[in-house]
Protein backbone atom coordinates (compact mmCIF):
# COMPACT_ATOMS: atom_id res chain seq x y z
CA MET A 1 0.00 0.00 0.00
CA LYS A 2 2.88 2.36 0.69
CA ARG A 3 4.09 1.89 -2.88
CA LEU A 4 0.63 2.74 -4.22
CA ARG A 5 0.46 5.90 -2.10
CA ASN A 6 3.91 6.97 -3.29
CA PHE A 7 2.89 6.31 -6.87
CA ALA A 8 -0.36 8.22 -6.53
CA GLN A 9 1.42 11.21 -5.04
CA ALA A 10 4.07 11.20 -7.76
CA LEU A 11 1.44 10.84 -10.47
CA ALA A 12 -0.74 13.65 -9.12
CA ALA A 13 2.17 16.05 -8.82
CA THR A 14 3.47 15.26 -12.28
CA CYS A 15 0.09 15.48 -13.97
CA LEU A 16 -0.63 18.84 -12.29
CA ALA A 17 2.64 20.25 -13.53
CA LEU A 18 2.24 18.96 -17.08
CA SER A 19 -1.54 19.03 -17.44
CA VAL A 20 -1.23 15.26 -17.84
CA ALA A 21 0.39 15.33 -21.30
CA PRO A 22 3.97 14.03 -21.52
CA ALA A 23 6.58 15.96 -23.46
CA PHE A 24 7.75 14.31 -26.68
CA ALA A 25 11.12 15.92 -27.34
CA ASP A 26 12.77 12.56 -27.90
CA LYS A 27 10.88 11.69 -31.08
CA ALA A 28 12.14 14.91 -32.65
CA ASN A 29 15.70 13.89 -31.72
CA ASP A 30 15.11 10.29 -32.85
CA THR A 31 16.17 9.10 -29.37
CA LEU A 32 14.22 6.45 -27.52
CA LYS A 33 14.83 6.70 -23.78
CA VAL A 34 14.43 3.48 -21.81
CA ALA A 35 14.46 2.70 -18.07
CA PHE A 36 16.03 -0.48 -16.69
CA THR A 37 15.26 -1.29 -13.05
CA GLY A 38 18.20 -3.57 -12.30
CA GLU A 39 21.91 -3.11 -12.80
CA ILE A 40 23.65 -5.20 -15.45
CA ASN A 41 26.61 -7.01 -13.94
CA ASN A 42 28.51 -7.14 -17.26
CA VAL A 43 27.37 -6.24 -20.78
CA ASP A 44 29.45 -9.17 -22.08
CA SER A 45 26.58 -11.61 -22.61
CA TYR A 46 28.59 -14.63 -21.41
CA PHE A 47 29.19 -12.92 -18.08
CA ASN A 48 25.70 -11.58 -17.58
CA THR A 49 22.88 -13.02 -15.46
CA THR A 50 20.25 -10.26 -15.82
CA ARG A 51 17.25 -9.77 -18.08
CA GLY A 52 18.47 -6.31 -19.08
CA GLY A 53 21.68 -7.95 -20.23
CA VAL A 54 19.66 -10.29 -22.45
CA VAL A 55 17.95 -7.27 -24.02
CA LEU A 56 21.34 -5.73 -24.81
CA GLN A 57 22.63 -9.06 -26.14
CA ARG A 58 19.86 -9.26 -28.75
CA ALA A 59 20.48 -5.65 -29.81
CA ILE A 60 24.29 -5.72 -30.00
CA TRP A 61 25.09 -9.24 -31.19
CA ASP A 62 23.71 -11.94 -33.44
CA GLY A 63 23.71 -15.72 -33.31
CA LEU A 64 24.07 -18.21 -36.10
CA VAL A 65 20.33 -18.99 -35.92
CA HIS A 66 17.19 -16.97 -35.24
CA ARG A 67 13.90 -18.29 -33.86
CA ASP A 68 10.75 -16.52 -34.99
CA THR A 69 8.88 -15.67 -31.78
CA ALA A 70 5.50 -15.98 -33.53
CA THR A 71 5.97 -19.28 -35.37
CA GLY A 72 8.82 -20.93 -33.45
CA GLU A 73 10.57 -21.61 -36.76
CA TYR A 74 14.38 -21.60 -36.91
CA VAL A 75 15.86 -19.54 -39.73
CA GLY A 76 19.38 -18.51 -40.65
CA ASN A 77 20.87 -15.40 -39.06
CA LEU A 78 24.68 -15.17 -39.25
CA ALA A 79 24.38 -18.56 -40.94
CA THR A 80 22.25 -19.10 -44.02
CA SER A 81 21.92 -22.88 -43.73
CA TRP A 82 23.06 -25.83 -41.64
CA GLU A 83 23.37 -29.59 -41.81
CA TRP A 84 23.83 -32.33 -39.23
CA ILE A 85 26.94 -34.24 -40.33
CA ASP A 86 26.34 -36.73 -37.51
CA ASP A 87 24.72 -36.67 -34.05
CA THR A 88 27.44 -34.43 -32.61
CA THR A 89 28.56 -32.35 -35.61
CA LEU A 90 26.72 -29.36 -37.08
CA GLU A 91 28.01 -27.67 -40.23
CA PHE A 92 26.99 -24.08 -41.03
CA LYS A 93 27.23 -22.02 -44.20
CA LEU A 94 27.81 -18.43 -43.11
CA ARG A 95 26.26 -15.24 -44.44
CA GLU A 96 28.56 -13.34 -46.78
CA GLY A 97 29.25 -9.62 -46.44
CA VAL A 98 28.49 -9.21 -42.72
CA VAL A 99 30.73 -6.79 -40.84
CA PHE A 100 31.22 -6.08 -37.13
CA HIS A 101 30.62 -2.63 -35.69
CA ASP A 102 34.34 -1.83 -35.97
CA GLY A 103 34.28 -2.60 -39.71
CA SER A 104 36.05 -5.95 -39.53
CA PRO A 105 34.54 -8.74 -41.66
CA PHE A 106 32.66 -11.63 -40.08
CA THR A 107 34.14 -15.02 -41.00
CA ALA A 108 34.40 -18.58 -39.76
CA ASP A 109 37.38 -17.51 -37.63
CA ASP A 110 35.01 -15.52 -35.42
CA VAL A 111 32.72 -18.49 -34.88
CA VAL A 112 35.68 -20.72 -34.06
CA GLY A 113 37.19 -18.14 -31.70
CA THR A 114 33.91 -17.60 -29.86
CA VAL A 115 33.05 -21.28 -29.51
CA GLU A 116 36.56 -22.32 -28.48
CA PHE A 117 36.49 -19.69 -25.72
CA ILE A 118 33.04 -20.42 -24.29
CA ALA A 119 33.49 -24.21 -24.57
CA ASN A 120 36.56 -24.04 -22.33
CA PRO A 121 35.43 -24.76 -18.74
CA ASP A 122 38.22 -22.47 -17.50
CA SER A 123 36.80 -19.46 -19.38
CA GLY A 124 34.73 -18.39 -16.39
CA VAL A 125 31.52 -18.12 -18.42
CA VAL A 126 28.80 -17.69 -15.79
CA THR A 127 26.09 -19.46 -17.78
CA GLN A 128 27.95 -22.77 -18.15
CA ARG A 129 24.75 -24.76 -18.60
CA PHE A 130 24.11 -22.93 -21.87
CA VAL A 131 27.55 -23.59 -23.37
CA SER A 132 28.78 -26.85 -21.83
CA TRP A 133 27.27 -28.90 -24.65
CA LEU A 134 29.84 -27.40 -27.04
CA ALA A 135 33.23 -29.13 -27.41
CA GLY A 136 34.75 -26.78 -30.00
CA ALA A 137 34.62 -25.67 -33.61
CA GLU A 138 36.65 -26.05 -36.78
CA LYS A 139 36.94 -23.86 -39.85
CA ILE A 140 36.30 -25.54 -43.19
CA ASP A 141 36.73 -22.32 -45.18
CA ASP A 142 36.02 -18.62 -44.59
CA LEU A 143 32.26 -19.15 -44.85
CA THR A 144 31.92 -22.70 -43.58
CA VAL A 145 32.32 -23.87 -40.01
CA ARG A 146 31.60 -27.01 -38.04
CA LEU A 147 30.50 -27.10 -34.42
CA ASN A 148 31.59 -30.14 -32.45
CA LEU A 149 29.26 -31.08 -29.61
CA ALA A 150 30.48 -32.56 -26.35
CA GLU A 151 27.45 -34.84 -26.39
CA VAL A 152 24.27 -35.42 -28.31
CA PHE A 153 22.29 -32.25 -27.68
CA PRO A 154 18.93 -32.10 -29.47
CA SER A 155 18.26 -28.51 -28.32
CA ALA A 156 21.34 -27.15 -30.09
CA LEU A 157 19.41 -24.90 -32.52
CA GLU A 158 17.32 -23.45 -29.69
CA TYR A 159 20.44 -22.45 -27.77
CA LEU A 160 22.17 -21.16 -30.90
CA SER A 161 19.17 -18.91 -31.50
CA GLY A 162 19.32 -17.52 -27.96
CA PRO A 163 22.29 -17.10 -25.61
CA ILE A 164 25.06 -18.07 -28.07
CA SER A 165 26.29 -14.80 -29.64
CA ILE A 166 29.22 -14.60 -32.03
CA TYR A 167 32.04 -12.21 -31.10
CA PRO A 168 34.89 -10.75 -33.21
CA SER A 169 37.60 -13.25 -32.31
CA ASP A 170 40.67 -11.01 -32.63
CA TYR A 171 39.09 -8.19 -30.63
CA TYR A 172 37.83 -10.51 -27.89
CA ALA A 173 41.22 -12.19 -27.59
CA GLU A 174 42.72 -8.73 -27.07
CA VAL A 175 40.26 -7.17 -24.61
CA GLY A 176 38.60 -10.15 -22.89
CA PRO A 177 35.27 -10.08 -21.00
CA ASP A 178 36.07 -6.87 -19.10
CA GLY A 179 36.93 -5.02 -22.29
CA MET A 180 33.92 -6.41 -24.14
CA GLY A 181 31.73 -5.31 -21.24
CA LEU A 182 32.99 -1.72 -21.46
CA LYS A 183 33.22 -1.45 -25.24
CA PRO A 184 31.06 -4.13 -26.81
CA ILE A 185 31.43 -4.92 -30.52
CA GLY A 186 29.04 -7.17 -32.40
CA THR A 187 27.22 -7.47 -35.70
CA GLY A 188 23.78 -6.62 -34.29
CA PRO A 189 21.23 -3.97 -35.29
CA TYR A 190 22.61 -1.52 -32.72
CA ARG A 191 26.19 -0.59 -31.93
CA VAL A 192 27.31 0.69 -28.54
CA GLU A 193 28.27 4.34 -28.27
CA SER A 194 29.04 4.32 -24.55
CA VAL A 195 28.74 2.26 -21.37
CA LYS A 196 28.66 3.58 -17.83
CA PRO A 197 28.55 0.36 -15.79
CA GLY A 198 25.41 0.10 -13.69
CA GLU A 199 24.21 3.51 -14.88
CA SER A 200 23.60 3.97 -18.60
CA TYR A 201 24.04 2.47 -22.07
CA LEU A 202 23.88 4.49 -25.29
CA LEU A 203 23.17 2.58 -28.52
CA LYS A 204 23.23 3.86 -32.10
CA LYS A 205 21.56 2.33 -35.14
CA ASN A 206 23.90 0.10 -37.14
CA GLU A 207 23.66 1.67 -40.59
CA ASP A 208 25.49 -1.33 -42.08
CA TYR A 209 23.21 -4.00 -40.61
CA PHE A 210 22.62 -6.88 -42.96
CA ASP A 211 19.23 -7.87 -44.36
CA GLY A 212 18.42 -10.67 -41.95
CA PRO A 213 15.51 -12.16 -40.00
CA LYS A 214 15.61 -9.61 -37.18
CA GLY A 215 14.65 -6.82 -39.56
CA SER A 216 16.18 -3.37 -39.94
CA PRO A 217 16.51 -0.90 -37.05
CA ASP A 218 14.36 2.21 -37.40
CA ILE A 219 15.02 4.41 -34.35
CA GLY A 220 18.40 6.13 -34.47
CA THR A 221 19.42 6.20 -30.80
CA ILE A 222 18.52 4.08 -27.77
CA ASP A 223 19.37 5.80 -24.47
CA ILE A 224 19.08 3.39 -21.52
CA ARG A 225 19.33 4.47 -17.88
CA THR A 226 19.23 2.41 -14.71
CA ILE A 227 16.41 3.75 -12.51
CA PRO A 228 15.89 1.34 -9.60
CA ASP A 229 12.78 3.01 -8.19
CA VAL A 230 9.67 2.33 -10.26
CA ASN A 231 7.89 5.45 -9.01
CA THR A 232 10.75 7.53 -10.35
CA GLN A 233 10.41 5.72 -13.67
CA ILE A 234 6.73 6.66 -13.85
CA ALA A 235 7.48 10.30 -13.06
CA GLU A 236 10.19 10.30 -15.75
CA LEU A 237 7.71 8.80 -18.21
CA PHE A 238 5.34 11.70 -17.65
CA THR A 239 8.00 14.35 -18.05
CA GLY A 240 9.15 12.77 -21.33
CA ASN A 241 12.54 11.91 -19.85
CA ILE A 242 11.89 8.27 -20.72
CA ASN A 243 9.69 6.68 -23.38
CA VAL A 244 9.72 3.07 -22.19
CA ALA A 245 9.31 1.43 -18.79
CA TRP A 246 8.94 -2.33 -18.60
CA ARG A 247 8.45 -5.16 -16.12
CA LEU A 248 6.21 -2.86 -14.10
CA PRO A 249 4.37 -4.24 -11.06
CA SER A 250 0.79 -5.08 -12.01
CA ASP A 251 -0.79 -2.72 -9.46
CA LEU A 252 1.14 0.28 -10.74
CA ALA A 253 0.52 -0.66 -14.38
CA GLN A 254 -3.21 -0.71 -13.72
CA LYS A 255 -3.09 2.65 -11.97
CA LEU A 256 -1.26 4.07 -14.96
CA ASP A 257 -3.52 2.51 -17.59
CA GLY A 258 -5.85 4.98 -19.28
CA THR A 259 -3.72 8.02 -18.51
CA PRO A 260 -3.57 10.36 -21.55
CA GLY A 261 -0.27 10.30 -23.38
CA VAL A 262 0.74 6.88 -22.05
CA MET A 263 0.05 3.42 -23.43
CA VAL A 264 0.10 0.44 -21.06
CA THR A 265 0.19 -3.07 -22.44
CA SER A 266 1.18 -6.54 -21.29
CA ALA A 267 2.34 -9.87 -22.61
CA SER A 268 2.44 -13.26 -20.96
CA SER A 269 5.89 -14.81 -20.70
CA ILE A 270 7.56 -18.14 -19.98
CA ARG A 271 9.00 -16.73 -16.75
CA VAL A 272 7.88 -18.68 -13.69
CA GLY A 273 8.28 -17.93 -10.00
CA PHE A 274 9.11 -20.52 -7.37
CA LEU A 275 10.42 -21.13 -3.87
CA MET A 276 13.70 -23.06 -3.71
CA MET A 277 14.16 -25.04 -0.50
CA ASP A 278 17.35 -26.55 0.87
CA SER A 279 16.26 -30.19 0.87
CA ALA A 280 19.89 -31.34 0.54
CA GLY A 281 20.92 -29.68 3.81
CA ARG A 282 23.53 -27.51 2.15
CA THR A 283 23.03 -24.84 4.83
CA GLY A 284 23.35 -27.29 7.70
CA ASP A 285 20.66 -28.50 10.05
CA THR A 286 17.47 -27.12 8.50
CA PRO A 287 13.83 -28.27 8.80
CA LEU A 288 13.67 -28.14 5.00
CA THR A 289 15.44 -31.49 4.72
CA ASP A 290 12.13 -33.04 5.90
CA VAL A 291 9.80 -33.62 2.94
CA ARG A 292 6.77 -33.06 5.20
CA VAL A 293 7.90 -29.50 5.92
CA ARG A 294 8.36 -28.81 2.22
CA GLN A 295 4.96 -30.29 1.43
CA ALA A 296 3.41 -28.20 4.20
CA ILE A 297 4.87 -25.06 2.65
CA ASN A 298 3.36 -26.01 -0.71
CA HIS A 299 -0.08 -26.56 0.85
CA ALA A 300 0.07 -23.32 2.88
CA ILE A 301 0.34 -20.88 -0.06
CA ASN A 302 -2.78 -19.69 -1.87
CA ARG A 303 -1.20 -19.28 -5.27
CA GLN A 304 -4.45 -18.59 -7.13
CA GLU A 305 -5.22 -15.72 -4.77
CA MET A 306 -1.72 -14.31 -5.41
CA VAL A 307 -2.27 -14.51 -9.18
CA ASP A 308 -5.66 -12.83 -8.93
CA SER A 309 -4.64 -10.05 -6.57
CA LEU A 310 -0.96 -9.39 -7.33
CA LEU A 311 0.10 -10.62 -10.77
CA LYS A 312 -3.08 -10.39 -12.88
CA GLY A 313 -2.96 -10.14 -16.66
CA GLY A 314 -2.03 -13.43 -18.34
CA SER A 315 -0.41 -14.95 -15.27
CA LYS A 316 -1.55 -18.39 -14.11
CA VAL A 317 -0.81 -20.89 -11.37
CA VAL A 318 2.03 -23.26 -12.30
CA ASN A 319 2.40 -26.69 -10.70
CA THR A 320 5.64 -27.71 -12.40
CA PRO A 321 9.27 -26.50 -12.20
CA CYS A 322 8.92 -25.15 -15.75
CA PHE A 323 6.50 -23.22 -17.96
CA PRO A 324 3.74 -25.55 -19.20
CA GLU A 325 4.18 -24.67 -22.88
CA GLN A 326 7.94 -25.28 -22.97
CA PHE A 327 9.05 -28.42 -24.75
CA GLY A 328 9.41 -31.21 -22.19
CA CYS A 329 7.32 -29.57 -19.46
CA VAL A 330 5.22 -32.69 -19.00
CA GLN A 331 1.98 -31.94 -17.19
CA GLU A 332 1.99 -34.98 -14.93
CA TYR A 333 2.84 -33.95 -11.39
CA VAL A 334 1.87 -34.01 -7.75
CA GLU A 335 -0.42 -31.04 -7.16
CA TYR A 336 -0.60 -29.27 -3.80
CA GLN A 337 -3.97 -27.68 -3.27
CA TYR A 338 -4.26 -24.74 -0.89
CA ASP A 339 -5.01 -26.47 2.41
CA PRO A 340 -3.73 -24.72 5.59
CA GLU A 341 -5.09 -27.45 7.86
CA LYS A 342 -3.22 -30.15 5.98
CA ALA A 343 -0.11 -27.97 6.18
CA LYS A 344 -0.46 -27.73 9.96
CA ALA A 345 -0.94 -31.48 10.22
CA LEU A 346 2.20 -32.17 8.19
CA LEU A 347 4.22 -29.78 10.34
CA ALA A 348 2.93 -31.44 13.52
CA GLU A 349 3.82 -34.85 12.08
CA ALA A 350 7.33 -33.57 11.39
CA GLY A 351 7.64 -32.38 15.02
CA TYR A 352 7.01 -28.66 14.42
CA ASP A 353 3.57 -28.25 15.95
CA ASP A 354 4.97 -25.27 17.88
CA GLY A 355 6.10 -23.62 14.64
CA LEU A 356 9.47 -22.83 13.12
CA SER A 357 11.45 -19.97 11.57
CA ILE A 358 13.26 -19.96 8.21
CA GLU A 359 15.39 -17.35 6.46
CA ILE A 360 14.30 -16.52 2.92
CA TYR A 361 16.36 -14.55 0.42
CA ALA A 362 15.06 -12.59 -2.56
CA PHE A 363 16.21 -9.80 -4.85
CA SER A 364 12.89 -8.68 -6.36
CA ASN A 365 9.11 -8.98 -6.00
CA GLN A 366 9.12 -8.08 -2.32
CA ASP A 367 5.32 -7.91 -2.32
CA TYR A 368 5.15 -11.52 -3.52
CA VAL A 369 7.60 -12.62 -0.82
CA GLU A 370 5.62 -10.77 1.85
CA ALA A 371 2.42 -12.45 0.64
CA VAL A 372 4.11 -15.86 0.93
CA ALA A 373 5.27 -14.93 4.44
CA GLY A 374 1.70 -14.02 5.35
CA TYR A 375 0.34 -17.38 4.24
CA LEU A 376 3.09 -19.33 6.02
CA SER A 377 2.60 -17.40 9.24
CA GLN A 378 -0.97 -18.73 9.36
CA VAL A 379 0.35 -22.30 9.69
CA GLY A 380 3.12 -21.49 12.16
CA ILE A 381 6.08 -20.79 9.87
CA THR A 382 7.85 -17.46 10.35
CA LEU A 383 9.92 -16.21 7.43
CA ASP A 384 12.90 -13.95 8.10
CA ILE A 385 12.96 -12.00 4.83
CA LYS A 386 16.35 -10.89 3.46
CA MET A 387 15.97 -8.58 0.45
CA LEU A 388 19.35 -8.18 -1.26
CA LYS A 389 20.65 -7.30 -4.71
CA PHE A 390 20.81 -10.17 -7.17
CA PRO A 391 24.60 -10.72 -7.02
CA ALA A 392 24.40 -11.01 -3.22
CA VAL A 393 21.52 -13.51 -3.38
CA LEU A 394 23.37 -15.54 -6.02
CA ASP A 395 26.47 -15.56 -3.82
CA LYS A 396 24.40 -16.88 -0.90
CA MET A 397 22.92 -19.60 -3.12
CA MET A 398 26.25 -20.71 -4.51
CA ASN A 399 27.98 -20.73 -1.14
CA ASP A 400 25.45 -22.79 0.84
CA ALA A 401 24.11 -19.87 2.85
CA ALA A 402 20.49 -19.61 1.67
CA PRO A 403 18.00 -22.12 3.13
CA MET A 404 15.13 -20.73 1.07
CA VAL A 405 15.07 -18.42 -1.95
CA PHE A 406 12.23 -16.79 -3.85
CA MET A 407 13.40 -16.95 -7.43
CA SER A 408 12.07 -16.56 -10.93
CA SER A 409 13.45 -17.86 -14.21
CA GLY A 410 12.64 -16.84 -17.75
CA SER A 411 14.76 -19.71 -19.09
CA TRP A 412 16.74 -17.10 -21.03
CA SER A 413 13.69 -17.09 -23.33
CA LEU A 414 14.54 -20.63 -24.46
CA ASN A 415 11.55 -22.78 -25.30
CA ASP A 416 13.05 -25.95 -23.83
CA VAL A 417 12.87 -27.19 -20.23
CA SER A 418 16.59 -27.96 -20.20
CA ALA A 419 17.05 -24.21 -19.75
CA ILE A 420 15.39 -24.34 -16.33
CA ILE A 421 15.10 -27.89 -14.92
CA SER A 422 18.57 -28.91 -16.03
CA GLU A 423 19.94 -25.61 -14.78
CA PHE A 424 18.63 -26.15 -11.27
CA PHE A 425 18.66 -29.93 -10.81
CA LYS A 426 21.94 -31.26 -12.23
CA HIS A 427 24.12 -30.91 -9.13
CA GLY A 428 25.35 -27.44 -10.03
CA ALA A 429 25.95 -24.59 -7.60
CA VAL A 430 22.25 -23.64 -7.56
CA ASP A 431 20.88 -27.17 -7.13
CA PHE A 432 19.24 -27.29 -3.68
CA ALA A 433 18.09 -30.92 -4.04
CA ARG A 434 21.18 -32.85 -5.25
CA ASP A 435 19.04 -35.84 -6.20
CA ASP A 436 21.16 -38.45 -8.03
CA GLU A 437 18.16 -40.12 -9.65
CA ILE A 438 16.92 -36.83 -11.11
CA LEU A 439 20.43 -36.14 -12.38
CA GLU A 440 20.46 -39.49 -14.22
CA TRP A 441 17.07 -38.84 -15.80
CA LEU A 442 18.03 -35.34 -16.92
CA ASP A 443 21.25 -36.63 -18.45
CA VAL A 444 19.13 -38.96 -20.59
CA ALA A 445 16.55 -36.29 -21.44
CA ASP A 446 19.14 -33.67 -22.36
CA THR A 447 20.95 -35.95 -24.81
CA ALA A 448 18.23 -38.17 -26.31
CA VAL A 449 17.59 -37.67 -30.04
CA ASP A 450 14.05 -39.06 -29.85
CA PRO A 451 11.71 -36.28 -28.58
CA GLU A 452 9.40 -38.86 -26.98
CA VAL A 453 12.30 -40.22 -24.92
CA ARG A 454 13.14 -36.68 -23.85
CA LYS A 455 9.54 -36.10 -22.71
CA GLU A 456 9.51 -39.41 -20.85
CA TYR A 457 12.60 -38.64 -18.80
CA TYR A 458 11.77 -34.99 -18.20
CA GLY A 459 8.40 -36.30 -17.01
CA LYS A 460 10.10 -38.62 -14.52
CA ALA A 461 12.13 -35.70 -13.17
CA ILE A 462 9.08 -33.43 -12.90
CA MET A 463 7.10 -36.07 -11.05
CA LYS A 464 9.83 -36.61 -8.47
CA ILE A 465 10.56 -32.90 -8.04
CA THR A 466 6.88 -32.27 -7.27
CA GLU A 467 6.43 -35.45 -5.23
CA GLN A 468 9.37 -34.56 -3.00
CA ALA A 469 8.36 -30.88 -2.99
CA TYR A 470 11.92 -29.81 -3.75
CA TRP A 471 10.41 -26.53 -4.96
CA ALA A 472 7.15 -24.75 -4.41
CA PRO A 473 6.24 -23.79 -8.00
CA MET A 474 4.14 -20.64 -7.91
CA PHE A 475 2.96 -18.98 -11.11
CA SER A 476 3.88 -17.65 -14.52
CA TYR A 477 4.58 -13.96 -14.97
CA ASN A 478 2.83 -11.35 -17.03
CA THR A 479 5.14 -8.56 -18.21
CA PHE A 480 3.69 -5.06 -18.10
CA TYR A 481 5.03 -2.26 -20.31
CA ALA A 482 4.39 1.48 -20.42
CA PHE A 483 5.21 3.63 -23.46
CA THR A 484 4.71 7.23 -24.37
CA ASP A 485 2.04 7.07 -27.04
CA ASP A 486 4.35 8.08 -29.88
CA VAL A 487 6.11 4.69 -29.64
CA ASP A 488 4.95 1.87 -31.91
CA TYR A 489 5.80 -1.55 -30.48
CA THR A 490 4.05 -4.86 -29.84
CA PRO A 491 5.66 -6.84 -26.99
CA THR A 492 6.55 -10.49 -27.55
CA ASN A 493 6.17 -13.42 -25.18
CA ASP A 494 9.94 -13.86 -24.70
CA GLU A 495 10.19 -11.03 -22.14
CA ILE A 496 12.74 -9.17 -24.28
CA LEU A 497 12.59 -5.57 -25.49
CA HIS A 498 13.44 -5.87 -29.19
CA PHE A 499 14.67 -2.38 -30.06
CA VAL A 500 15.00 -3.38 -33.71
CA ASN A 501 11.19 -3.72 -33.86
CA MET A 502 10.42 -0.33 -32.30
CA LYS A 503 9.31 2.62 -34.40
CA TRP A 504 7.91 6.09 -33.96
CA LYS A 505 4.24 6.63 -34.76
């Protein structure tokens, strides 16, 4: 409620000063001004773990393949065609005439250099799950390259259309991740004019962008600023200091909707929210190692009420550790209906009839976390909420110091469950379950050529994850956007701002 009061006060003051109509100086200057809420830890896409970083990745760089967000079809991007030589070898014919932002030509050497770097486990790439399937690459000629896979990986094209960007090999060898983060160079529709880490990012239209599946950029300049406070973003929207705010809380988006000069819209996404619980005892002696406690937590939360009152839009309750429409997200699971009395009974059976206290860490969606805490308090569980910045929460997770975490994952906009289930349940640093049987099943599912086999083994994993209540799956997200009404853009369901598709009305 405090946030709503602050918003209402900011809105009233701004509207009074401007007679409600925003100023549109930016269209005249051909500069789209955008607000990001969170800081980007590194613009280098292989050392980034933020959604804003994904937005920049799609604007600055290209991959070999592009997936049409409407049809799901894979088409050539930096490559024009491809062929499976065998189960672990992909050969690509590259697009001729493509140049990087510094004017250097794109060739097979750049693909080889990029792949050889990210495939090296010692590279430090923070998203290892997305690159570990690559063993290396070899140049056949300047416009032909082969990718060698470390294992059979049927989702290769999906990953090549998403997080796998191609870098200029000579430049990257010279400057490394830190240099690429400060002065990024790619082939994408926008080139980087300047980077002020954690503060601002200035992009200019790539006048030499090739005629590819992303389309041609229209707006000349994209000026991005980090504005952590959403109320400040709204005020800036009304003064014309920004044109785009995104990932707005649903309550504020609804308050803003219908205001003259501003367009509010939304799109459902594959992002899902969930509670991670330390069932493996990584943090020591915790009640969460008892399956009855985890099941009680699942029964105690009224997820439908949270969707109806907090998320709204296209959001829906999710019962699986993945988005239902992703490939492999088999809809056979143990469902936990909202049942506080059953939750109390399970806690009493586990020896906690007098209640218990658990620390929970989160970096966003504080209102969702507080709602969860309210439900759990009704069955005798007290949550000690620790709201930190994302890097701090990630550090706690990776260093066995977070018994419970409220987390969300957009699967890096990949339409395959390996981008979420295999990320969190294959004994990596963020696996809170460490279940050997699930690991074996996911190894089969991730490498099986037959899609029915993949579904079968992902289904086994999903059933056990829900049966053992390793997570409390919550809901899918609905992304809200606000634009000044001179901006022409239709959001997509991948939760990415595609600057190349934005135009002025």
